[in-house]
């Protein structure tokens, strides 16, 4: 949540956070060149 908010506030192109239950939470962002990256949080 903090990382997503920080990136969004900074103007980074981020997609919404997806909560996939037992698989964790994810979101996708784009860098300056259009490369896509996924971010994952899973406490287990």
ModelCIF file with pLDDT and N, C-alpha, C, O atoms, coordinates in Angstrom:
data_MODEL
#
_entry.id   MODEL 
#
_entity.id                         1 
_entity.type                       polymer 
_entity.pdbx_number_of_molecules   1 
#
_entity_poly.entity_id                      1 
_entity_poly.type                           'polypeptide(L)' 
_entity_poly.nstd_linkage                   no 
_entity_poly.nstd_monomer                   no 
_entity_poly.pdbx_seq_one_letter_code       
;(UNK)(UNK)(UNK)(UNK)(UNK)(UNK)(UNK)(UNK)(UNK)(UNK)(UNK)(UNK)(UNK)(UNK)(UNK)(UNK)
(UNK)(UNK)(UNK)(UNK)(UNK)(UNK)(UNK)(UNK)(UNK)(UNK)(UNK)(UNK)(UNK)(UNK)(UNK)(UNK)
(UNK)(UNK)(UNK)(UNK)(UNK)(UNK)(UNK)(UNK)(UNK)(UNK)(UNK)(UNK)
;
_entity_poly.pdbx_seq_one_letter_code_can   XXXXXXXXXXXXXXXXXXXXXXXXXXXXXXXXXXXXXXXXXXXX 
_entity_poly.pdbx_strand_id                 A 
#
loop_
_entity_poly_seq.entity_id 
_entity_poly_seq.num 
_entity_poly_seq.mon_id 
_entity_poly_seq.hetero 
1 1  UNK n 
1 2  UNK n 
1 3  UNK n 
1 4  UNK n 
1 5  UNK n 
1 6  UNK n 
1 7  UNK n 
1 8  UNK n 
1 9  UNK n 
1 10 UNK n 
1 11 UNK n 
1 12 UNK n 
1 13 UNK n 
1 14 UNK n 
1 15 UNK n 
1 16 UNK n 
1 17 UNK n 
1 18 UNK n 
1 19 UNK n 
1 20 UNK n 
1 21 UNK n 
1 22 UNK n 
1 23 UNK n 
1 24 UNK n 
1 25 UNK n 
1 26 UNK n 
1 27 UNK n 
1 28 UNK n 
1 29 UNK n 
1 30 UNK n 
1 31 UNK n 
1 32 UNK n 
1 33 UNK n 
1 34 UNK n 
1 35 UNK n 
1 36 UNK n 
1 37 UNK n 
1 38 UNK n 
1 39 UNK n 
1 40 UNK n 
1 41 UNK n 
1 42 UNK n 
1 43 UNK n 
1 44 UNK n 
#
_struct_asym.id          A 
_struct_asym.entity_id   1 
#
loop_
_ma_qa_metric.id 
_ma_qa_metric.mode 
_ma_qa_metric.name 
_ma_qa_metric.software_group_id 
_ma_qa_metric.type 
1 global pLDDT . pLDDT 
2 local  pLDDT . pLDDT 
#
_ma_qa_metric_global.metric_id      1 
_ma_qa_metric_global.metric_value   95.11 
_ma_qa_metric_global.model_id       1 
_ma_qa_metric_global.ordinal_id     1 
#
loop_
_ma_qa_metric_local.label_asym_id 
_ma_qa_metric_local.label_comp_id 
_ma_qa_metric_local.label_seq_id 
_ma_qa_metric_local.metric_id 
_ma_qa_metric_local.metric_value 
_ma_qa_metric_local.model_id 
_ma_qa_metric_local.ordinal_id 
A UNK 1  2 97.00 1 1  
A UNK 2  2 97.00 1 2  
A UNK 3  2 97.00 1 3  
A UNK 4  2 97.00 1 4  
A UNK 5  2 97.00 1 5  
A UNK 6  2 97.00 1 6  
A UNK 7  2 97.00 1 7  
A UNK 8  2 98.00 1 8  
A UNK 9  2 97.00 1 9  
A UNK 10 2 97.00 1 10 
A UNK 11 2 97.00 1 11 
A UNK 12 2 97.00 1 12 
A UNK 13 2 97.00 1 13 
A UNK 14 2 98.00 1 14 
A UNK 15 2 97.00 1 15 
A UNK 16 2 98.00 1 16 
A UNK 17 2 98.00 1 17 
A UNK 18 2 97.00 1 18 
A UNK 19 2 96.00 1 19 
A UNK 20 2 94.00 1 20 
A UNK 21 2 92.00 1 21 
A UNK 22 2 91.00 1 22 
A UNK 23 2 93.00 1 23 
A UNK 24 2 94.00 1 24 
A UNK 25 2 96.00 1 25 
A UNK 26 2 97.00 1 26 
A UNK 27 2 97.00 1 27 
A UNK 28 2 97.00 1 28 
A UNK 29 2 97.00 1 29 
A UNK 30 2 96.00 1 30 
A UNK 31 2 96.00 1 31 
A UNK 32 2 94.00 1 32 
A UNK 33 2 93.00 1 33 
A UNK 34 2 93.00 1 34 
A UNK 35 2 95.00 1 35 
A UNK 36 2 95.00 1 36 
A UNK 37 2 96.00 1 37 
A UNK 38 2 96.00 1 38 
A UNK 39 2 96.00 1 39 
A UNK 40 2 95.00 1 40 
A UNK 41 2 94.00 1 41 
A UNK 42 2 91.00 1 42 
A UNK 43 2 81.00 1 43 
A UNK 44 2 80.00 1 44 
#
loop_
_atom_site.group_PDB 
_atom_site.id 
_atom_site.type_symbol 
_atom_site.label_atom_id 
_atom_site.label_alt_id 
_atom_site.label_comp_id 
_atom_site.label_asym_id 
_atom_site.label_entity_id 
_atom_site.label_seq_id 
_atom_site.pdbx_PDB_ins_code 
_atom_site.Cartn_x 
_atom_site.Cartn_y 
_atom_site.Cartn_z 
_atom_site.occupancy 
_atom_site.B_iso_or_equiv 
_atom_site.pdbx_formal_charge 
_atom_site.auth_seq_id 
_atom_site.auth_comp_id 
_atom_site.auth_asym_id 
_atom_site.auth_atom_id 
_atom_site.pdbx_PDB_model_num 
ATOM 1   N N  . UNK A 1 1  ? 0.827  -1.220  0.000   1.00 97.00 ? 1  UNK A N  1 
ATOM 2   C CA . UNK A 1 1  ? 0.000  0.000   0.000   1.00 97.00 ? 1  UNK A CA 1 
ATOM 3   C C  . UNK A 1 1  ? 0.853  1.258   0.000   1.00 97.00 ? 1  UNK A C  1 
ATOM 4   O O  . UNK A 1 1  ? 0.583  2.190   -0.757  1.00 97.00 ? 1  UNK A O  1 
ATOM 5   N N  . UNK A 1 2  ? 1.876  1.293   0.839   1.00 97.00 ? 2  UNK A N  1 
ATOM 6   C CA . UNK A 1 2  ? 2.755  2.460   0.899   1.00 97.00 ? 2  UNK A CA 1 
ATOM 7   C C  . UNK A 1 2  ? 3.501  2.639   -0.412  1.00 97.00 ? 2  UNK A C  1 
ATOM 8   O O  . UNK A 1 2  ? 3.564  3.750   -0.940  1.00 97.00 ? 2  UNK A O  1 
ATOM 9   N N  . UNK A 1 3  ? 4.069  1.561   -0.948  1.00 97.00 ? 3  UNK A N  1 
ATOM 10  C CA . UNK A 1 3  ? 4.807  1.663   -2.203  1.00 97.00 ? 3  UNK A CA 1 
ATOM 11  C C  . UNK A 1 3  ? 3.883  2.118   -3.336  1.00 97.00 ? 3  UNK A C  1 
ATOM 12  O O  . UNK A 1 3  ? 4.255  2.996   -4.115  1.00 97.00 ? 3  UNK A O  1 
ATOM 13  N N  . UNK A 1 4  ? 2.715  1.548   -3.436  1.00 97.00 ? 4  UNK A N  1 
ATOM 14  C CA . UNK A 1 4  ? 1.763  1.916   -4.472  1.00 97.00 ? 4  UNK A CA 1 
ATOM 15  C C  . UNK A 1 4  ? 1.398  3.400   -4.366  1.00 97.00 ? 4  UNK A C  1 
ATOM 16  O O  . UNK A 1 4  ? 1.399  4.120   -5.364  1.00 97.00 ? 4  UNK A O  1 
ATOM 17  N N  . UNK A 1 5  ? 1.087  3.847   -3.151  1.00 97.00 ? 5  UNK A N  1 
ATOM 18  C CA . UNK A 1 5  ? 0.733  5.264   -2.939  1.00 97.00 ? 5  UNK A CA 1 
ATOM 19  C C  . UNK A 1 5  ? 1.890  6.190   -3.269  1.00 97.00 ? 5  UNK A C  1 
ATOM 20  O O  . UNK A 1 5  ? 1.692  7.228   -3.900  1.00 97.00 ? 5  UNK A O  1 
ATOM 21  N N  . UNK A 1 6  ? 3.098  5.827   -2.851  1.00 97.00 ? 6  UNK A N  1 
ATOM 22  C CA . UNK A 1 6  ? 4.273  6.657   -3.138  1.00 97.00 ? 6  UNK A CA 1 
ATOM 23  C C  . UNK A 1 6  ? 4.503  6.792   -4.638  1.00 97.00 ? 6  UNK A C  1 
ATOM 24  O O  . UNK A 1 6  ? 4.756  7.890   -5.135  1.00 97.00 ? 6  UNK A O  1 
ATOM 25  N N  . UNK A 1 7  ? 4.416  5.676   -5.360  1.00 97.00 ? 7  UNK A N  1 
ATOM 26  C CA . UNK A 1 7  ? 4.627  5.718   -6.808  1.00 97.00 ? 7  UNK A CA 1 
ATOM 27  C C  . UNK A 1 7  ? 3.527  6.526   -7.501  1.00 97.00 ? 7  UNK A C  1 
ATOM 28  O O  . UNK A 1 7  ? 3.805  7.331   -8.389  1.00 97.00 ? 7  UNK A O  1 
ATOM 29  N N  . UNK A 1 8  ? 2.301  6.307   -7.096  1.00 98.00 ? 8  UNK A N  1 
ATOM 30  C CA . UNK A 1 8  ? 1.170  7.027   -7.694  1.00 98.00 ? 8  UNK A CA 1 
ATOM 31  C C  . UNK A 1 8  ? 1.296  8.527   -7.444  1.00 98.00 ? 8  UNK A C  1 
ATOM 32  O O  . UNK A 1 8  ? 1.080  9.327   -8.353  1.00 98.00 ? 8  UNK A O  1 
ATOM 33  N N  . UNK A 1 9  ? 1.643  8.910   -6.220  1.00 97.00 ? 9  UNK A N  1 
ATOM 34  C CA . UNK A 1 9  ? 1.827  10.322  -5.870  1.00 97.00 ? 9  UNK A CA 1 
ATOM 35  C C  . UNK A 1 9  ? 2.948  10.947  -6.692  1.00 97.00 ? 9  UNK A C  1 
ATOM 36  O O  . UNK A 1 9  ? 2.882  12.125  -7.044  1.00 97.00 ? 9  UNK A O  1 
ATOM 37  N N  . UNK A 1 10 ? 3.979  10.158  -7.000  1.00 97.00 ? 10 UNK A N  1 
ATOM 38  C CA . UNK A 1 10 ? 5.123  10.652  -7.774  1.00 97.00 ? 10 UNK A CA 1 
ATOM 39  C C  . UNK A 1 10 ? 4.840  10.675  -9.282  1.00 97.00 ? 10 UNK A C  1 
ATOM 40  O O  . UNK A 1 10 ? 5.700  11.075  -10.068 1.00 97.00 ? 10 UNK A O  1 
ATOM 41  N N  . UNK A 1 11 ? 3.653  10.253  -9.681  1.00 97.00 ? 11 UNK A N  1 
ATOM 42  C CA . UNK A 1 11 ? 3.290  10.304  -11.092 1.00 97.00 ? 11 UNK A CA 1 
ATOM 43  C C  . UNK A 1 11 ? 3.688  9.096   -11.908 1.00 97.00 ? 11 UNK A C  1 
ATOM 44  O O  . UNK A 1 11 ? 3.628  9.129   -13.137 1.00 97.00 ? 11 UNK A O  1 
ATOM 45  N N  . UNK A 1 12 ? 4.097  8.020   -11.238 1.00 97.00 ? 12 UNK A N  1 
ATOM 46  C CA . UNK A 1 12 ? 4.451  6.788   -11.954 1.00 97.00 ? 12 UNK A CA 1 
ATOM 47  C C  . UNK A 1 12 ? 3.159  6.122   -12.426 1.00 97.00 ? 12 UNK A C  1 
ATOM 48  O O  . UNK A 1 12 ? 2.159  6.104   -11.708 1.00 97.00 ? 12 UNK A O  1 
ATOM 49  N N  . UNK A 1 13 ? 3.195  5.580   -13.635 1.00 97.00 ? 13 UNK A N  1 
ATOM 50  C CA . UNK A 1 13 ? 2.045  4.880   -14.175 1.00 97.00 ? 13 UNK A CA 1 
ATOM 51  C C  . UNK A 1 13 ? 1.909  3.542   -13.457 1.00 97.00 ? 13 UNK A C  1 
ATOM 52  O O  . UNK A 1 13 ? 2.668  2.608   -13.719 1.00 97.00 ? 13 UNK A O  1 
ATOM 53  N N  . UNK A 1 14 ? 0.929  3.455   -12.544 1.00 98.00 ? 14 UNK A N  1 
ATOM 54  C CA . UNK A 1 14 ? 0.683  2.240   -11.770 1.00 98.00 ? 14 UNK A CA 1 
ATOM 55  C C  . UNK A 1 14 ? -0.748 1.767   -11.996 1.00 98.00 ? 14 UNK A C  1 
ATOM 56  O O  . UNK A 1 14 ? -1.665 2.572   -12.161 1.00 98.00 ? 14 UNK A O  1 
ATOM 57  N N  . UNK A 1 15 ? -0.921 0.459   -11.999 1.00 97.00 ? 15 UNK A N  1 
ATOM 58  C CA . UNK A 1 15 ? -2.262 -0.116  -12.059 1.00 97.00 ? 15 UNK A CA 1 
ATOM 59  C C  . UNK A 1 15 ? -2.761 -0.335  -10.639 1.00 97.00 ? 15 UNK A C  1 
ATOM 60  O O  . UNK A 1 15 ? -1.984 -0.230  -9.689  1.00 97.00 ? 15 UNK A O  1 
ATOM 61  N N  . UNK A 1 16 ? -4.022 -0.633  -10.482 1.00 98.00 ? 16 UNK A N  1 
ATOM 62  C CA . UNK A 1 16 ? -4.612 -0.864  -9.170  1.00 98.00 ? 16 UNK A CA 1 
ATOM 63  C C  . UNK A 1 16 ? -4.020 -2.100  -8.501  1.00 98.00 ? 16 UNK A C  1 
ATOM 64  O O  . UNK A 1 16 ? -3.526 -3.008  -9.170  1.00 98.00 ? 16 UNK A O  1 
ATOM 65  N N  . UNK A 1 17 ? -4.077 -2.119  -7.188  1.00 98.00 ? 17 UNK A N  1 
ATOM 66  C CA . UNK A 1 17 ? -3.643 -3.279  -6.414  1.00 98.00 ? 17 UNK A CA 1 
ATOM 67  C C  . UNK A 1 17 ? -4.699 -4.371  -6.554  1.00 98.00 ? 17 UNK A C  1 
ATOM 68  O O  . UNK A 1 17 ? -5.899 -4.121  -6.444  1.00 98.00 ? 17 UNK A O  1 
ATOM 69  N N  . UNK A 1 18 ? -4.222 -5.574  -6.795  1.00 97.00 ? 18 UNK A N  1 
ATOM 70  C CA . UNK A 1 18 ? -5.089 -6.743  -6.900  1.00 97.00 ? 18 UNK A CA 1 
ATOM 71  C C  . UNK A 1 18 ? -4.818 -7.647  -5.705  1.00 97.00 ? 18 UNK A C  1 
ATOM 72  O O  . UNK A 1 18 ? -3.681 -8.071  -5.496  1.00 97.00 ? 18 UNK A O  1 
ATOM 73  N N  . UNK A 1 19 ? -5.853 -7.948  -4.913  1.00 96.00 ? 19 UNK A N  1 
ATOM 74  C CA . UNK A 1 19 ? -5.715 -8.859  -3.780  1.00 96.00 ? 19 UNK A CA 1 
ATOM 75  C C  . UNK A 1 19 ? -6.153 -10.241 -4.248  1.00 96.00 ? 19 UNK A C  1 
ATOM 76  O O  . UNK A 1 19 ? -7.332 -10.476 -4.512  1.00 96.00 ? 19 UNK A O  1 
ATOM 77  N N  . UNK A 1 20 ? -5.189 -11.147 -4.346  1.00 94.00 ? 20 UNK A N  1 
ATOM 78  C CA . UNK A 1 20 ? -5.478 -12.490 -4.841  1.00 94.00 ? 20 UNK A CA 1 
ATOM 79  C C  . UNK A 1 20 ? -5.471 -13.513 -3.712  1.00 94.00 ? 20 UNK A C  1 
ATOM 80  O O  . UNK A 1 20 ? -5.068 -14.662 -3.891  1.00 94.00 ? 20 UNK A O  1 
ATOM 81  N N  . UNK A 1 21 ? -5.926 -13.064 -2.547  1.00 92.00 ? 21 UNK A N  1 
ATOM 82  C CA . UNK A 1 21 ? -6.090 -13.950 -1.399  1.00 92.00 ? 21 UNK A CA 1 
ATOM 83  C C  . UNK A 1 21 ? -4.818 -14.646 -0.987  1.00 92.00 ? 21 UNK A C  1 
ATOM 84  O O  . UNK A 1 21 ? -3.821 -13.995 -0.676  1.00 92.00 ? 21 UNK A O  1 
ATOM 85  N N  . UNK A 1 22 ? -4.844 -15.977 -0.983  1.00 91.00 ? 22 UNK A N  1 
ATOM 86  C CA . UNK A 1 22 ? -3.699 -16.754 -0.506  1.00 91.00 ? 22 UNK A CA 1 
ATOM 87  C C  . UNK A 1 22 ? -2.449 -16.569 -1.366  1.00 91.00 ? 22 UNK A C  1 
ATOM 88  O O  . UNK A 1 22 ? -1.352 -16.934 -0.944  1.00 91.00 ? 22 UNK A O  1 
ATOM 89  N N  . UNK A 1 23 ? -2.605 -15.999 -2.583  1.00 93.00 ? 23 UNK A N  1 
ATOM 90  C CA . UNK A 1 23 ? -1.463 -15.769 -3.462  1.00 93.00 ? 23 UNK A CA 1 
ATOM 91  C C  . UNK A 1 23 ? -0.818 -14.403 -3.230  1.00 93.00 ? 23 UNK A C  1 
ATOM 92  O O  . UNK A 1 23 ? 0.246  -14.120 -3.781  1.00 93.00 ? 23 UNK A O  1 
ATOM 93  N N  . UNK A 1 24 ? -1.447 -13.562 -2.424  1.00 94.00 ? 24 UNK A N  1 
ATOM 94  C CA . UNK A 1 24 ? -0.880 -12.271 -2.091  1.00 94.00 ? 24 UNK A CA 1 
ATOM 95  C C  . UNK A 1 24 ? -1.523 -11.124 -2.840  1.00 94.00 ? 24 UNK A C  1 
ATOM 96  O O  . UNK A 1 24 ? -2.548 -11.281 -3.503  1.00 94.00 ? 24 UNK A O  1 
ATOM 97  N N  . UNK A 1 25 ? -0.892 -9.963  -2.718  1.00 96.00 ? 25 UNK A N  1 
ATOM 98  C CA . UNK A 1 25 ? -1.348 -8.744  -3.379  1.00 96.00 ? 25 UNK A CA 1 
ATOM 99  C C  . UNK A 1 25 ? -0.327 -8.348  -4.433  1.00 96.00 ? 25 UNK A C  1 
ATOM 100 O O  . UNK A 1 25 ? 0.874  -8.570  -4.273  1.00 96.00 ? 25 UNK A O  1 
ATOM 101 N N  . UNK A 1 26 ? -0.827 -7.756  -5.519  1.00 97.00 ? 26 UNK A N  1 
ATOM 102 C CA . UNK A 1 26 ? 0.012  -7.404  -6.656  1.00 97.00 ? 26 UNK A CA 1 
ATOM 103 C C  . UNK A 1 26 ? -0.397 -6.057  -7.231  1.00 97.00 ? 26 UNK A C  1 
ATOM 104 O O  . UNK A 1 26 ? -1.545 -5.635  -7.094  1.00 97.00 ? 26 UNK A O  1 
ATOM 105 N N  . UNK A 1 27 ? 0.540  -5.395  -7.868  1.00 97.00 ? 27 UNK A N  1 
ATOM 106 C CA . UNK A 1 27 ? 0.214  -4.313  -8.799  1.00 97.00 ? 27 UNK A CA 1 
ATOM 107 C C  . UNK A 1 27 ? 1.316  -4.229  -9.842  1.00 97.00 ? 27 UNK A C  1 
ATOM 108 O O  . UNK A 1 27 ? 2.425  -4.719  -9.632  1.00 97.00 ? 27 UNK A O  1 
ATOM 109 N N  . UNK A 1 28 ? 0.998  -3.604  -10.962 1.00 97.00 ? 28 UNK A N  1 
ATOM 110 C CA . UNK A 1 28 ? 1.923  -3.459  -12.077 1.00 97.00 ? 28 UNK A CA 1 
ATOM 111 C C  . UNK A 1 28 ? 2.243  -1.988  -12.257 1.00 97.00 ? 28 UNK A C  1 
ATOM 112 O O  . UNK A 1 28 ? 1.364  -1.137  -12.125 1.00 97.00 ? 28 UNK A O  1 
ATOM 113 N N  . UNK A 1 29 ? 3.508  -1.683  -12.561 1.00 97.00 ? 29 UNK A N  1 
ATOM 114 C CA . UNK A 1 29 ? 3.889  -0.306  -12.888 1.00 97.00 ? 29 UNK A CA 1 
ATOM 115 C C  . UNK A 1 29 ? 4.744  -0.309  -14.139 1.00 97.00 ? 29 UNK A C  1 
ATOM 116 O O  . UNK A 1 29 ? 5.255  -1.343  -14.569 1.00 97.00 ? 29 UNK A O  1 
ATOM 117 N N  . UNK A 1 30 ? 4.886  0.882   -14.714 1.00 96.00 ? 30 UNK A N  1 
ATOM 118 C CA . UNK A 1 30 ? 5.630  1.068   -15.951 1.00 96.00 ? 30 UNK A CA 1 
ATOM 119 C C  . UNK A 1 30 ? 6.776  2.035   -15.700 1.00 96.00 ? 30 UNK A C  1 
ATOM 120 O O  . UNK A 1 30 ? 6.594  3.050   -15.029 1.00 96.00 ? 30 UNK A O  1 
ATOM 121 N N  . UNK A 1 31 ? 7.957  1.729   -16.233 1.00 96.00 ? 31 UNK A N  1 
ATOM 122 C CA . UNK A 1 31 ? 9.091  2.648   -16.104 1.00 96.00 ? 31 UNK A CA 1 
ATOM 123 C C  . UNK A 1 31 ? 9.067  3.676   -17.230 1.00 96.00 ? 31 UNK A C  1 
ATOM 124 O O  . UNK A 1 31 ? 8.121  3.714   -18.017 1.00 96.00 ? 31 UNK A O  1 
ATOM 125 N N  . UNK A 1 32 ? 10.094 4.504   -17.308 1.00 94.00 ? 32 UNK A N  1 
ATOM 126 C CA . UNK A 1 32 ? 10.160 5.566   -18.315 1.00 94.00 ? 32 UNK A CA 1 
ATOM 127 C C  . UNK A 1 32 ? 10.123 5.051   -19.747 1.00 94.00 ? 32 UNK A C  1 
ATOM 128 O O  . UNK A 1 32 ? 9.684  5.760   -20.653 1.00 94.00 ? 32 UNK A O  1 
ATOM 129 N N  . UNK A 1 33 ? 10.585 3.817   -19.955 1.00 93.00 ? 33 UNK A N  1 
ATOM 130 C CA . UNK A 1 33 ? 10.711 3.258   -21.299 1.00 93.00 ? 33 UNK A CA 1 
ATOM 131 C C  . UNK A 1 33 ? 9.571  2.330   -21.689 1.00 93.00 ? 33 UNK A C  1 
ATOM 132 O O  . UNK A 1 33 ? 9.594  1.748   -22.773 1.00 93.00 ? 33 UNK A O  1 
ATOM 133 N N  . UNK A 1 34 ? 8.581  2.183   -20.829 1.00 93.00 ? 34 UNK A N  1 
ATOM 134 C CA . UNK A 1 34 ? 7.474  1.290   -21.139 1.00 93.00 ? 34 UNK A CA 1 
ATOM 135 C C  . UNK A 1 34 ? 7.697  -0.146  -20.725 1.00 93.00 ? 34 UNK A C  1 
ATOM 136 O O  . UNK A 1 34 ? 6.894  -1.018  -21.058 1.00 93.00 ? 34 UNK A O  1 
ATOM 137 N N  . UNK A 1 35 ? 8.787  -0.412  -19.996 1.00 95.00 ? 35 UNK A N  1 
ATOM 138 C CA . UNK A 1 35 ? 8.984  -1.743  -19.424 1.00 95.00 ? 35 UNK A CA 1 
ATOM 139 C C  . UNK A 1 35 ? 7.981  -1.910  -18.290 1.00 95.00 ? 35 UNK A C  1 
ATOM 140 O O  . UNK A 1 35 ? 7.791  -0.996  -17.487 1.00 95.00 ? 35 UNK A O  1 
ATOM 141 N N  . UNK A 1 36 ? 7.343  -3.067  -18.222 1.00 95.00 ? 36 UNK A N  1 
ATOM 142 C CA . UNK A 1 36 ? 6.388  -3.342  -17.156 1.00 95.00 ? 36 UNK A CA 1 
ATOM 143 C C  . UNK A 1 36 ? 7.042  -4.176  -16.072 1.00 95.00 ? 36 UNK A C  1 
ATOM 144 O O  . UNK A 1 36 ? 7.863  -5.053  -16.342 1.00 95.00 ? 36 UNK A O  1 
ATOM 145 N N  . UNK A 1 37 ? 6.655  -3.881  -14.830 1.00 96.00 ? 37 UNK A N  1 
ATOM 146 C CA . UNK A 1 37 ? 7.132  -4.628  -13.673 1.00 96.00 ? 37 UNK A CA 1 
ATOM 147 C C  . UNK A 1 37 ? 5.943  -4.927  -12.773 1.00 96.00 ? 37 UNK A C  1 
ATOM 148 O O  . UNK A 1 37 ? 4.999  -4.141  -12.691 1.00 96.00 ? 37 UNK A O  1 
ATOM 149 N N  . UNK A 1 38 ? 5.997  -6.048  -12.111 1.00 96.00 ? 38 UNK A N  1 
ATOM 150 C CA . UNK A 1 38 ? 4.979  -6.463  -11.161 1.00 96.00 ? 38 UNK A CA 1 
ATOM 151 C C  . UNK A 1 38 ? 5.563  -6.282  -9.758  1.00 96.00 ? 38 UNK A C  1 
ATOM 152 O O  . UNK A 1 38 ? 6.765  -6.449  -9.553  1.00 96.00 ? 38 UNK A O  1 
ATOM 153 N N  . UNK A 1 39 ? 4.706  -5.942  -8.803  1.00 96.00 ? 39 UNK A N  1 
ATOM 154 C CA . UNK A 1 39 ? 5.116  -5.856  -7.401  1.00 96.00 ? 39 UNK A CA 1 
ATOM 155 C C  . UNK A 1 39 ? 4.217  -6.803  -6.613  1.00 96.00 ? 39 UNK A C  1 
ATOM 156 O O  . UNK A 1 39 ? 3.005  -6.849  -6.824  1.00 96.00 ? 39 UNK A O  1 
ATOM 157 N N  . UNK A 1 40 ? 4.829  -7.553  -5.708  1.00 95.00 ? 40 UNK A N  1 
ATOM 158 C CA . UNK A 1 40 ? 4.120  -8.599  -4.963  1.00 95.00 ? 40 UNK A CA 1 
ATOM 159 C C  . UNK A 1 40 ? 4.362  -8.433  -3.472  1.00 95.00 ? 40 UNK A C  1 
ATOM 160 O O  . UNK A 1 40 ? 5.484  -8.176  -3.035  1.00 95.00 ? 40 UNK A O  1 
ATOM 161 N N  . UNK A 1 41 ? 3.294  -8.583  -2.698  1.00 94.00 ? 41 UNK A N  1 
ATOM 162 C CA . UNK A 1 41 ? 3.390  -8.645  -1.237  1.00 94.00 ? 41 UNK A CA 1 
ATOM 163 C C  . UNK A 1 41 ? 2.732  -9.934  -0.782  1.00 94.00 ? 41 UNK A C  1 
ATOM 164 O O  . UNK A 1 41 ? 1.578  -10.204 -1.115  1.00 94.00 ? 41 UNK A O  1 
ATOM 165 N N  . UNK A 1 42 ? 3.470  -10.726 -0.019  1.00 91.00 ? 42 UNK A N  1 
ATOM 166 C CA . UNK A 1 42 ? 2.940  -11.985 0.502   1.00 91.00 ? 42 UNK A CA 1 
ATOM 167 C C  . UNK A 1 42 ? 3.660  -12.281 1.806   1.00 91.00 ? 42 UNK A C  1 
ATOM 168 O O  . UNK A 1 42 ? 4.860  -12.553 1.814   1.00 91.00 ? 42 UNK A O  1 
ATOM 169 N N  . UNK A 1 43 ? 2.925  -12.229 2.904   1.00 81.00 ? 43 UNK A N  1 
ATOM 170 C CA . UNK A 1 43 ? 3.575  -12.366 4.210   1.00 81.00 ? 43 UNK A CA 1 
ATOM 171 C C  . UNK A 1 43 ? 3.830  -13.823 4.616   1.00 81.00 ? 43 UNK A C  1 
ATOM 172 O O  . UNK A 1 43 ? 4.494  -14.072 5.622   1.00 81.00 ? 43 UNK A O  1 
ATOM 173 N N  . UNK A 1 44 ? 3.313  -14.780 3.849   1.00 80.00 ? 44 UNK A N  1 
ATOM 174 C CA . UNK A 1 44 ? 3.551  -16.178 4.167   1.00 80.00 ? 44 UNK A CA 1 
ATOM 175 C C  . UNK A 1 44 ? 4.640  -16.809 3.302   1.00 80.00 ? 44 UNK A C  1 
ATOM 176 O O  . UNK A 1 44 ? 4.947  -17.991 3.461   1.00 80.00 ? 44 UNK A O  1 
#
